[in-house]
Amino acid sequence: MALHNIVSDVDDLIPKSPFVREGGSLLIMVGLPGTGKSSVVEGLSKFMSFVVISTDNIRLHLRNQPTYTAAEMMLVYEVCYSIIESRLREGQRVIFDASNYLAARREHLMKLGKRAGAPVAVCSVQA
């Protein structure tokens, strides 16, 4: 299946948030697995509306039994990046819930935000 079709299928499963501003906004969660990133996101949801793009959820949608191979991880992140950029262009608030421990991934997300005209912030969570 082509990446475009995969992105479209997964994107249809993620709820839309209300339009916030031209270019939306992006919050990048950073932290090792199990440090509480998803709990922080859940807490934030009590105060504002946003779309959560989660590598865990996308991985489970793509594979019933994730293998966590390099190829699978690359596909998961490509799908996430495509959906994030699309949602930012729609003016939505987006939180990317993933480990994002690699500087190259964070830099790529910063570029996505810049292309969409969206402010980008990073939230680092430690146990």
N, C-alpha and C. Protein backbone atom coordinates (compact mmCIF):
# COMPACT_ATOMS: atom_id res chain seq x y z
N MET A 1 0.85 -1.17 0.00
CA MET A 1 0.00 0.00 0.00
C MET A 1 0.90 1.24 0.00
N ALA A 2 0.57 2.23 -0.80
CA ALA A 2 1.36 3.45 -0.91
C ALA A 2 1.24 4.28 0.36
N LEU A 3 2.32 5.02 0.67
CA LEU A 3 2.34 5.85 1.87
C LEU A 3 1.15 6.79 1.90
N HIS A 4 0.82 7.40 0.78
CA HIS A 4 -0.31 8.34 0.73
C HIS A 4 -1.61 7.67 1.19
N ASN A 5 -1.85 6.45 0.74
CA ASN A 5 -3.06 5.72 1.13
C ASN A 5 -3.05 5.37 2.62
N ILE A 6 -1.89 4.97 3.12
CA ILE A 6 -1.76 4.65 4.54
C ILE A 6 -2.05 5.88 5.38
N VAL A 7 -1.44 7.01 5.00
CA VAL A 7 -1.64 8.27 5.73
C VAL A 7 -3.12 8.64 5.73
N SER A 8 -3.75 8.54 4.57
CA SER A 8 -5.17 8.89 4.47
C SER A 8 -6.03 8.01 5.38
N ASP A 9 -5.77 6.70 5.37
CA ASP A 9 -6.54 5.78 6.22
C ASP A 9 -6.37 6.10 7.70
N VAL A 10 -5.14 6.33 8.12
CA VAL A 10 -4.87 6.61 9.54
C VAL A 10 -5.42 7.97 9.92
N ASP A 11 -5.24 8.97 9.06
CA ASP A 11 -5.71 10.33 9.36
C ASP A 11 -7.22 10.36 9.57
N ASP A 12 -7.95 9.54 8.83
CA ASP A 12 -9.40 9.50 8.98
C ASP A 12 -9.82 9.01 10.37
N LEU A 13 -8.96 8.28 11.06
CA LEU A 13 -9.28 7.75 12.39
C LEU A 13 -9.04 8.74 13.52
N ILE A 14 -8.29 9.81 13.23
CA ILE A 14 -7.90 10.77 14.26
C ILE A 14 -8.89 11.94 14.25
N PRO A 15 -9.50 12.26 15.38
CA PRO A 15 -10.47 13.36 15.41
C PRO A 15 -9.83 14.69 15.03
N LYS A 16 -10.63 15.57 14.47
CA LYS A 16 -10.18 16.92 14.14
C LYS A 16 -10.36 17.80 15.37
N SER A 17 -9.46 18.76 15.52
CA SER A 17 -9.64 19.76 16.58
C SER A 17 -10.18 21.02 15.92
N PRO A 18 -10.76 21.93 16.70
CA PRO A 18 -11.25 23.16 16.10
C PRO A 18 -10.10 23.98 15.53
N PHE A 19 -10.41 24.75 14.48
CA PHE A 19 -9.41 25.65 13.90
C PHE A 19 -8.97 26.62 14.99
N VAL A 20 -7.67 26.79 15.14
CA VAL A 20 -7.16 27.67 16.18
C VAL A 20 -6.54 28.90 15.57
N ARG A 21 -5.63 28.72 14.64
CA ARG A 21 -4.95 29.85 14.01
C ARG A 21 -4.34 29.36 12.72
N GLU A 22 -4.09 30.28 11.82
CA GLU A 22 -3.38 29.95 10.58
C GLU A 22 -2.09 29.23 10.94
N GLY A 23 -1.90 28.04 10.43
CA GLY A 23 -0.67 27.30 10.69
C GLY A 23 -0.72 26.43 11.93
N GLY A 24 -1.76 26.55 12.75
CA GLY A 24 -1.86 25.70 13.94
C GLY A 24 -0.70 25.89 14.90
N SER A 25 -0.43 24.88 15.70
CA SER A 25 0.70 24.88 16.63
C SER A 25 1.08 23.44 16.92
N LEU A 26 2.34 23.24 17.29
CA LEU A 26 2.84 21.89 17.53
C LEU A 26 3.58 21.83 18.85
N LEU A 27 3.21 20.85 19.68
CA LEU A 27 3.94 20.55 20.91
C LEU A 27 4.56 19.17 20.73
N ILE A 28 5.89 19.12 20.82
CA ILE A 28 6.63 17.87 20.66
C ILE A 28 6.95 17.32 22.05
N MET A 29 6.41 16.16 22.35
CA MET A 29 6.74 15.49 23.60
C MET A 29 8.07 14.77 23.42
N VAL A 30 8.92 14.81 24.45
CA VAL A 30 10.23 14.16 24.41
C VAL A 30 10.45 13.42 25.73
N GLY A 31 10.88 12.19 25.64
CA GLY A 31 11.19 11.43 26.84
C GLY A 31 11.29 9.95 26.55
N LEU A 32 12.02 9.26 27.37
CA LEU A 32 12.17 7.82 27.20
C LEU A 32 10.83 7.12 27.44
N PRO A 33 10.66 5.91 26.91
CA PRO A 33 9.42 5.17 27.14
C PRO A 33 9.15 5.02 28.64
N GLY A 34 7.89 5.19 29.01
CA GLY A 34 7.48 4.99 30.40
C GLY A 34 7.72 6.17 31.32
N THR A 35 8.12 7.33 30.79
CA THR A 35 8.41 8.47 31.66
C THR A 35 7.18 9.32 31.95
N GLY A 36 6.05 9.05 31.28
CA GLY A 36 4.83 9.79 31.58
C GLY A 36 4.41 10.81 30.54
N LYS A 37 4.95 10.72 29.34
CA LYS A 37 4.57 11.68 28.28
C LYS A 37 3.07 11.64 28.02
N SER A 38 2.53 10.45 27.87
CA SER A 38 1.09 10.31 27.59
C SER A 38 0.25 10.81 28.75
N SER A 39 0.73 10.65 29.97
CA SER A 39 0.00 11.16 31.14
C SER A 39 -0.02 12.69 31.13
N VAL A 40 1.08 13.31 30.74
CA VAL A 40 1.12 14.78 30.63
C VAL A 40 0.12 15.23 29.57
N VAL A 41 0.10 14.53 28.43
CA VAL A 41 -0.83 14.88 27.35
C VAL A 41 -2.27 14.75 27.85
N GLU A 42 -2.56 13.68 28.57
CA GLU A 42 -3.90 13.48 29.11
C GLU A 42 -4.28 14.62 30.06
N GLY A 43 -3.34 15.05 30.89
CA GLY A 43 -3.59 16.18 31.79
C GLY A 43 -3.86 17.47 31.03
N LEU A 44 -3.12 17.71 29.97
CA LEU A 44 -3.33 18.92 29.17
C LEU A 44 -4.71 18.93 28.52
N SER A 45 -5.22 17.74 28.20
CA SER A 45 -6.51 17.66 27.51
C SER A 45 -7.65 18.20 28.36
N LYS A 46 -7.43 18.35 29.66
CA LYS A 46 -8.47 18.90 30.54
C LYS A 46 -8.57 20.42 30.41
N PHE A 47 -7.55 21.04 29.79
CA PHE A 47 -7.50 22.50 29.71
C PHE A 47 -7.64 23.06 28.31
N MET A 48 -7.40 22.25 27.28
CA MET A 48 -7.49 22.76 25.91
C MET A 48 -7.76 21.62 24.95
N SER A 49 -8.23 21.98 23.76
CA SER A 49 -8.48 20.95 22.75
C SER A 49 -7.30 20.90 21.78
N PHE A 50 -6.96 19.71 21.38
CA PHE A 50 -5.87 19.51 20.44
C PHE A 50 -5.98 18.10 19.86
N VAL A 51 -5.23 17.87 18.82
CA VAL A 51 -5.15 16.55 18.20
C VAL A 51 -3.88 15.88 18.71
N VAL A 52 -3.99 14.64 19.12
CA VAL A 52 -2.82 13.89 19.57
C VAL A 52 -2.43 12.91 18.46
N ILE A 53 -1.21 13.03 17.99
CA ILE A 53 -0.64 12.07 17.06
C ILE A 53 0.35 11.24 17.88
N SER A 54 0.06 9.97 18.02
CA SER A 54 0.85 9.09 18.88
C SER A 54 1.46 7.96 18.06
N THR A 55 2.78 7.79 18.19
CA THR A 55 3.42 6.68 17.47
C THR A 55 2.86 5.34 17.95
N ASP A 56 2.53 5.23 19.22
CA ASP A 56 1.97 3.98 19.73
C ASP A 56 0.66 3.64 19.03
N ASN A 57 -0.23 4.61 18.93
CA ASN A 57 -1.53 4.37 18.29
C ASN A 57 -1.39 4.08 16.80
N ILE A 58 -0.53 4.83 16.14
CA ILE A 58 -0.35 4.61 14.69
C ILE A 58 0.28 3.24 14.45
N ARG A 59 1.26 2.87 15.26
CA ARG A 59 1.90 1.56 15.11
C ARG A 59 0.87 0.44 15.26
N LEU A 60 -0.02 0.56 16.24
CA LEU A 60 -1.05 -0.47 16.45
C LEU A 60 -2.05 -0.50 15.31
N HIS A 61 -2.32 0.67 14.71
CA HIS A 61 -3.23 0.68 13.57
C HIS A 61 -2.60 -0.01 12.36
N LEU A 62 -1.31 0.20 12.17
CA LEU A 62 -0.63 -0.37 11.01
C LEU A 62 -0.38 -1.87 11.16
N ARG A 63 -0.14 -2.32 12.38
CA ARG A 63 0.21 -3.73 12.62
C ARG A 63 -0.49 -4.21 13.90
N ASN A 64 -1.24 -5.28 13.78
CA ASN A 64 -1.87 -5.85 14.99
C ASN A 64 -0.82 -6.35 15.96
N GLN A 65 0.28 -6.86 15.43
CA GLN A 65 1.39 -7.35 16.25
C GLN A 65 2.65 -6.58 15.83
N PRO A 66 2.89 -5.40 16.42
CA PRO A 66 4.07 -4.62 16.03
C PRO A 66 5.36 -5.42 16.20
N THR A 67 6.29 -5.21 15.27
CA THR A 67 7.58 -5.91 15.32
C THR A 67 8.70 -5.00 15.79
N TYR A 68 8.48 -3.70 15.76
CA TYR A 68 9.46 -2.71 16.19
C TYR A 68 10.77 -2.80 15.39
N THR A 69 10.66 -3.21 14.14
CA THR A 69 11.83 -3.23 13.26
C THR A 69 12.12 -1.80 12.80
N ALA A 70 13.32 -1.61 12.24
CA ALA A 70 13.69 -0.29 11.73
C ALA A 70 12.73 0.14 10.61
N ALA A 71 12.37 -0.79 9.74
CA ALA A 71 11.46 -0.47 8.64
C ALA A 71 10.08 -0.06 9.16
N GLU A 72 9.59 -0.78 10.15
CA GLU A 72 8.29 -0.44 10.73
C GLU A 72 8.35 0.93 11.41
N MET A 73 9.42 1.18 12.14
CA MET A 73 9.57 2.47 12.82
C MET A 73 9.61 3.61 11.81
N MET A 74 10.33 3.41 10.70
CA MET A 74 10.41 4.45 9.68
C MET A 74 9.03 4.74 9.09
N LEU A 75 8.25 3.69 8.83
CA LEU A 75 6.90 3.87 8.30
C LEU A 75 6.03 4.62 9.30
N VAL A 76 6.08 4.23 10.55
CA VAL A 76 5.27 4.88 11.59
C VAL A 76 5.58 6.38 11.64
N TYR A 77 6.86 6.74 11.65
CA TYR A 77 7.23 8.15 11.72
C TYR A 77 6.85 8.89 10.45
N GLU A 78 6.98 8.27 9.27
CA GLU A 78 6.57 8.93 8.03
C GLU A 78 5.08 9.24 8.04
N VAL A 79 4.28 8.29 8.51
CA VAL A 79 2.83 8.51 8.61
C VAL A 79 2.56 9.65 9.60
N CYS A 80 3.21 9.63 10.75
CA CYS A 80 3.02 10.69 11.75
C CYS A 80 3.38 12.05 11.17
N TYR A 81 4.54 12.15 10.54
CA TYR A 81 4.99 13.44 9.99
C TYR A 81 3.99 13.97 8.96
N SER A 82 3.49 13.10 8.10
CA SER A 82 2.54 13.54 7.07
C SER A 82 1.25 14.07 7.69
N ILE A 83 0.74 13.34 8.68
CA ILE A 83 -0.50 13.77 9.33
C ILE A 83 -0.26 15.06 10.11
N ILE A 84 0.85 15.17 10.81
CA ILE A 84 1.16 16.38 11.57
C ILE A 84 1.20 17.59 10.64
N GLU A 85 1.92 17.49 9.54
CA GLU A 85 2.02 18.63 8.63
C GLU A 85 0.65 19.01 8.07
N SER A 86 -0.14 18.02 7.71
CA SER A 86 -1.48 18.28 7.18
C SER A 86 -2.35 18.98 8.22
N ARG A 87 -2.33 18.49 9.43
CA ARG A 87 -3.15 19.09 10.49
C ARG A 87 -2.69 20.51 10.83
N LEU A 88 -1.38 20.75 10.81
CA LEU A 88 -0.89 22.11 11.07
C LEU A 88 -1.38 23.06 9.99
N ARG A 89 -1.36 22.62 8.75
CA ARG A 89 -1.83 23.46 7.64
C ARG A 89 -3.33 23.75 7.75
N GLU A 90 -4.05 22.86 8.44
CA GLU A 90 -5.48 23.07 8.67
C GLU A 90 -5.73 23.98 9.88
N GLY A 91 -4.65 24.45 10.52
CA GLY A 91 -4.79 25.36 11.64
C GLY A 91 -5.10 24.69 12.97
N GLN A 92 -4.77 23.43 13.10
CA GLN A 92 -5.08 22.69 14.32
C GLN A 92 -3.91 22.68 15.30
N ARG A 93 -4.26 22.56 16.57
CA ARG A 93 -3.24 22.33 17.60
C ARG A 93 -2.91 20.85 17.58
N VAL A 94 -1.62 20.54 17.53
CA VAL A 94 -1.19 19.15 17.45
C VAL A 94 -0.18 18.87 18.56
N ILE A 95 -0.34 17.74 19.23
CA ILE A 95 0.67 17.25 20.15
C ILE A 95 1.19 15.94 19.57
N PHE A 96 2.51 15.86 19.43
CA PHE A 96 3.13 14.63 18.93
C PHE A 96 3.66 13.85 20.12
N ASP A 97 2.97 12.77 20.45
CA ASP A 97 3.29 11.93 21.61
C ASP A 97 4.17 10.76 21.14
N ALA A 98 5.47 10.95 21.29
CA ALA A 98 6.46 9.95 20.89
C ALA A 98 7.72 10.20 21.71
N SER A 99 8.65 9.26 21.68
CA SER A 99 9.87 9.46 22.46
C SER A 99 10.69 10.63 21.93
N ASN A 100 10.80 10.78 20.63
CA ASN A 100 11.51 11.92 20.01
C ASN A 100 12.87 12.19 20.63
N TYR A 101 13.54 11.14 21.06
CA TYR A 101 14.84 11.32 21.72
C TYR A 101 15.96 11.64 20.74
N LEU A 102 15.75 11.37 19.44
CA LEU A 102 16.78 11.69 18.45
C LEU A 102 16.66 13.15 18.01
N ALA A 103 17.76 13.87 18.08
CA ALA A 103 17.76 15.28 17.68
C ALA A 103 17.30 15.45 16.24
N ALA A 104 17.66 14.52 15.36
CA ALA A 104 17.27 14.62 13.95
C ALA A 104 15.75 14.60 13.80
N ARG A 105 15.06 13.82 14.60
CA ARG A 105 13.59 13.79 14.52
C ARG A 105 13.00 15.11 15.00
N ARG A 106 13.54 15.64 16.08
CA ARG A 106 13.04 16.93 16.58
C ARG A 106 13.30 18.03 15.55
N GLU A 107 14.46 18.01 14.93
CA GLU A 107 14.78 19.01 13.91
C GLU A 107 13.84 18.90 12.72
N HIS A 108 13.52 17.67 12.33
CA HIS A 108 12.57 17.47 11.23
C HIS A 108 11.20 18.05 11.59
N LEU A 109 10.77 17.82 12.81
CA LEU A 109 9.49 18.36 13.26
C LEU A 109 9.51 19.89 13.29
N MET A 110 10.63 20.47 13.68
CA MET A 110 10.76 21.93 13.65
C MET A 110 10.59 22.45 12.23
N LYS A 111 11.17 21.74 11.26
CA LYS A 111 11.04 22.14 9.86
C LYS A 111 9.60 22.02 9.38
N LEU A 112 8.91 20.96 9.81
CA LEU A 112 7.50 20.81 9.46
C LEU A 112 6.70 22.01 9.98
N GLY A 113 6.95 22.37 11.22
CA GLY A 113 6.26 23.51 11.81
C GLY A 113 6.55 24.79 11.05
N LYS A 114 7.80 25.00 10.70
CA LYS A 114 8.18 26.21 9.98
C LYS A 114 7.49 26.27 8.62
N ARG A 115 7.47 25.14 7.90
CA ARG A 115 6.81 25.11 6.58
C ARG A 115 5.33 25.44 6.70
N ALA A 116 4.71 25.02 7.80
CA ALA A 116 3.28 25.27 8.00
C ALA A 116 3.02 26.63 8.66
N GLY A 117 4.09 27.33 9.04
CA GLY A 117 3.91 28.62 9.72
C GLY A 117 3.41 28.46 11.14
N ALA A 118 3.73 27.33 11.76
CA ALA A 118 3.22 27.02 13.10
C ALA A 118 4.30 27.19 14.15
N PRO A 119 3.95 27.78 15.29
CA PRO A 119 4.90 27.78 16.40
C PRO A 119 5.08 26.36 16.91
N VAL A 120 6.30 26.06 17.36
CA VAL A 120 6.63 24.72 17.84
C VAL A 120 7.25 24.85 19.23
N ALA A 121 6.80 24.00 20.14
CA ALA A 121 7.36 23.96 21.49
C ALA A 121 7.71 22.51 21.81
N VAL A 122 8.63 22.33 22.74
CA VAL A 122 9.07 21.00 23.16
C VAL A 122 8.78 20.84 24.65
N CYS A 123 8.23 19.70 25.01
CA CYS A 123 7.99 19.36 26.42
C CYS A 123 8.78 18.09 26.73
N SER A 124 9.81 18.23 27.54
CA SER A 124 10.65 17.10 27.91
C SER A 124 10.17 16.53 29.24
N VAL A 125 9.95 15.22 29.27
CA VAL A 125 9.43 14.54 30.46
C VAL A 125 10.48 13.54 30.94
N GLN A 126 10.78 13.60 32.24
CA GLN A 126 11.73 12.66 32.83
C GLN A 126 11.09 11.98 34.03
N ALA A 127 11.47 10.73 34.25
CA ALA A 127 10.91 9.99 35.38
C ALA A 127 11.63 10.39 36.65
